[in-house]
C-alpha cells in the first residue's frame, strides 16, 4: 500500500523513543545485570528502528 512517508516512519520513531526510555531506566534507575539487560534490549530496538527507517525510505 502507498502510505505517506510520515505514516511509514511512525513505527521507527516510536521504537527509538522506547529504546531511549528503556536505556535511561536501565542506566539510571537499575544498576547491575538487570540494567544491562535493559541496555541490550534498547540496542536491539534501535537496530530494528534503523531497519524500519531503511524499509520506509525504499518504498
N, C-alpha and C. Protein backbone atom coordinates (compact mmCIF):
# COMPACT_ATOMS: atom_id res chain seq x y z
N UNK A 1 0.83 -1.19 0.00
CA UNK A 1 0.00 0.00 0.00
C UNK A 1 0.88 1.25 0.00
N UNK A 2 0.34 2.29 -0.52
CA UNK A 2 1.09 3.54 -0.62
C UNK A 2 0.67 4.51 0.49
N UNK A 3 1.26 4.31 1.65
CA UNK A 3 1.03 5.24 2.74
C UNK A 3 1.98 6.42 2.61
N UNK A 4 1.63 7.56 3.19
CA UNK A 4 2.59 8.68 3.18
C UNK A 4 3.85 8.32 3.98
N UNK A 5 4.93 9.04 3.69
CA UNK A 5 6.22 8.74 4.33
C UNK A 5 6.12 8.84 5.85
N UNK A 6 5.40 9.85 6.34
CA UNK A 6 5.28 10.01 7.79
C UNK A 6 4.62 8.79 8.44
N UNK A 7 3.60 8.25 7.79
CA UNK A 7 2.91 7.07 8.33
C UNK A 7 3.81 5.85 8.31
N UNK A 8 4.73 5.79 7.35
CA UNK A 8 5.64 4.63 7.28
C UNK A 8 6.77 4.71 8.29
N UNK A 9 7.14 5.92 8.74
CA UNK A 9 8.25 6.02 9.69
C UNK A 9 7.78 6.10 11.14
N UNK A 10 6.48 6.12 11.38
CA UNK A 10 5.96 6.16 12.76
C UNK A 10 6.45 4.97 13.59
N UNK A 11 6.44 3.71 13.09
CA UNK A 11 6.96 2.61 13.92
C UNK A 11 8.42 2.80 14.33
N UNK A 12 9.24 3.32 13.43
CA UNK A 12 10.64 3.57 13.76
C UNK A 12 10.80 4.65 14.81
N UNK A 13 10.00 5.71 14.71
CA UNK A 13 10.07 6.80 15.69
C UNK A 13 9.65 6.31 17.07
N UNK A 14 8.57 5.58 17.12
CA UNK A 14 8.09 5.05 18.41
C UNK A 14 9.11 4.08 19.01
N UNK A 15 9.73 3.27 18.17
CA UNK A 15 10.73 2.32 18.66
C UNK A 15 11.96 3.02 19.20
N UNK A 16 12.41 4.08 18.54
CA UNK A 16 13.56 4.84 19.03
C UNK A 16 13.23 5.49 20.37
N UNK A 17 12.04 6.05 20.51
CA UNK A 17 11.64 6.66 21.78
C UNK A 17 11.61 5.61 22.89
N UNK A 18 11.07 4.42 22.59
CA UNK A 18 11.02 3.35 23.58
C UNK A 18 12.43 2.89 23.96
N UNK A 19 13.33 2.82 22.98
CA UNK A 19 14.69 2.39 23.25
C UNK A 19 15.42 3.40 24.13
N UNK A 20 15.24 4.68 23.85
CA UNK A 20 15.87 5.71 24.68
C UNK A 20 15.33 5.65 26.10
N UNK A 21 14.03 5.48 26.23
CA UNK A 21 13.41 5.38 27.55
C UNK A 21 13.94 4.16 28.31
N UNK A 22 14.00 3.00 27.67
CA UNK A 22 14.49 1.80 28.33
C UNK A 22 15.96 1.92 28.71
N UNK A 23 16.76 2.51 27.83
CA UNK A 23 18.17 2.69 28.15
C UNK A 23 18.34 3.61 29.35
N UNK A 24 17.56 4.68 29.39
CA UNK A 24 17.63 5.61 30.53
C UNK A 24 17.24 4.91 31.83
N UNK A 25 16.14 4.18 31.81
CA UNK A 25 15.69 3.47 33.01
C UNK A 25 16.75 2.45 33.44
N UNK A 26 17.30 1.72 32.49
CA UNK A 26 18.30 0.70 32.82
C UNK A 26 19.60 1.29 33.32
N UNK A 27 19.98 2.46 32.82
CA UNK A 27 21.26 3.05 33.20
C UNK A 27 21.18 3.86 34.49
N UNK A 28 20.10 4.59 34.68
CA UNK A 28 19.99 5.49 35.83
C UNK A 28 19.35 4.81 37.03
N UNK A 29 18.21 4.16 36.81
CA UNK A 29 17.46 3.63 37.95
C UNK A 29 17.88 2.23 38.36
N UNK A 30 18.22 1.39 37.40
CA UNK A 30 18.52 -0.01 37.69
C UNK A 30 19.98 -0.27 37.37
N UNK A 31 20.74 -0.67 38.35
CA UNK A 31 22.16 -0.97 38.14
C UNK A 31 22.37 -2.47 38.07
N UNK A 32 23.49 -2.87 37.57
CA UNK A 32 23.85 -4.28 37.56
C UNK A 32 23.36 -5.01 36.33
N UNK A 33 23.13 -6.31 36.49
CA UNK A 33 22.79 -7.16 35.35
C UNK A 33 21.43 -6.81 34.76
N UNK A 34 20.48 -6.45 35.60
CA UNK A 34 19.16 -6.11 35.08
C UNK A 34 19.22 -4.83 34.25
N UNK A 35 20.01 -3.88 34.68
CA UNK A 35 20.20 -2.66 33.90
C UNK A 35 20.89 -2.95 32.57
N UNK A 36 21.82 -3.88 32.59
CA UNK A 36 22.49 -4.28 31.35
C UNK A 36 21.50 -4.95 30.40
N UNK A 37 20.57 -5.71 30.94
CA UNK A 37 19.56 -6.33 30.10
C UNK A 37 18.69 -5.27 29.43
N UNK A 38 18.36 -4.22 30.15
CA UNK A 38 17.61 -3.11 29.56
C UNK A 38 18.43 -2.46 28.44
N UNK A 39 19.72 -2.31 28.64
CA UNK A 39 20.59 -1.72 27.63
C UNK A 39 20.68 -2.58 26.38
N UNK A 40 20.78 -3.90 26.57
CA UNK A 40 20.83 -4.81 25.43
C UNK A 40 19.52 -4.77 24.66
N UNK A 41 18.40 -4.74 25.37
CA UNK A 41 17.10 -4.64 24.71
C UNK A 41 16.99 -3.33 23.93
N UNK A 42 17.46 -2.23 24.51
CA UNK A 42 17.43 -0.94 23.82
C UNK A 42 18.29 -0.98 22.57
N UNK A 43 19.44 -1.63 22.63
CA UNK A 43 20.33 -1.74 21.47
C UNK A 43 19.62 -2.45 20.32
N UNK A 44 18.98 -3.58 20.60
CA UNK A 44 18.30 -4.31 19.54
C UNK A 44 17.07 -3.57 19.03
N UNK A 45 16.42 -2.81 19.89
CA UNK A 45 15.30 -1.98 19.42
C UNK A 45 15.78 -0.89 18.48
N UNK A 46 16.93 -0.31 18.75
CA UNK A 46 17.48 0.70 17.85
C UNK A 46 17.83 0.07 16.50
N UNK A 47 18.39 -1.14 16.51
CA UNK A 47 18.68 -1.82 15.25
C UNK A 47 17.39 -2.05 14.46
N UNK A 48 16.33 -2.49 15.15
CA UNK A 48 15.03 -2.67 14.49
C UNK A 48 14.52 -1.35 13.92
N UNK A 49 14.69 -0.26 14.65
CA UNK A 49 14.22 1.04 14.17
C UNK A 49 14.99 1.50 12.94
N UNK A 50 16.29 1.26 12.91
CA UNK A 50 17.08 1.64 11.74
C UNK A 50 16.64 0.85 10.52
N UNK A 51 16.40 -0.44 10.69
CA UNK A 51 15.91 -1.25 9.58
C UNK A 51 14.54 -0.77 9.14
N UNK A 52 13.71 -0.39 10.08
CA UNK A 52 12.38 0.13 9.76
C UNK A 52 12.48 1.43 8.97
N UNK A 53 13.41 2.32 9.36
CA UNK A 53 13.60 3.57 8.61
C UNK A 53 14.08 3.29 7.19
N UNK A 54 14.99 2.34 7.03
CA UNK A 54 15.51 2.00 5.70
C UNK A 54 14.40 1.44 4.82
N UNK A 55 13.58 0.57 5.38
CA UNK A 55 12.48 0.00 4.60
C UNK A 55 11.45 1.06 4.24
N UNK A 56 11.20 2.02 5.12
CA UNK A 56 10.24 3.07 4.83
C UNK A 56 10.75 3.99 3.73
N UNK A 57 12.05 4.24 3.68
CA UNK A 57 12.62 5.10 2.66
C UNK A 57 12.61 4.46 1.28
N UNK A 58 12.76 3.12 1.23
CA UNK A 58 12.84 2.43 -0.06
C UNK A 58 11.51 2.45 -0.81
N UNK A 59 10.42 2.41 -0.09
CA UNK A 59 9.12 2.31 -0.77
C UNK A 59 8.69 3.61 -1.29
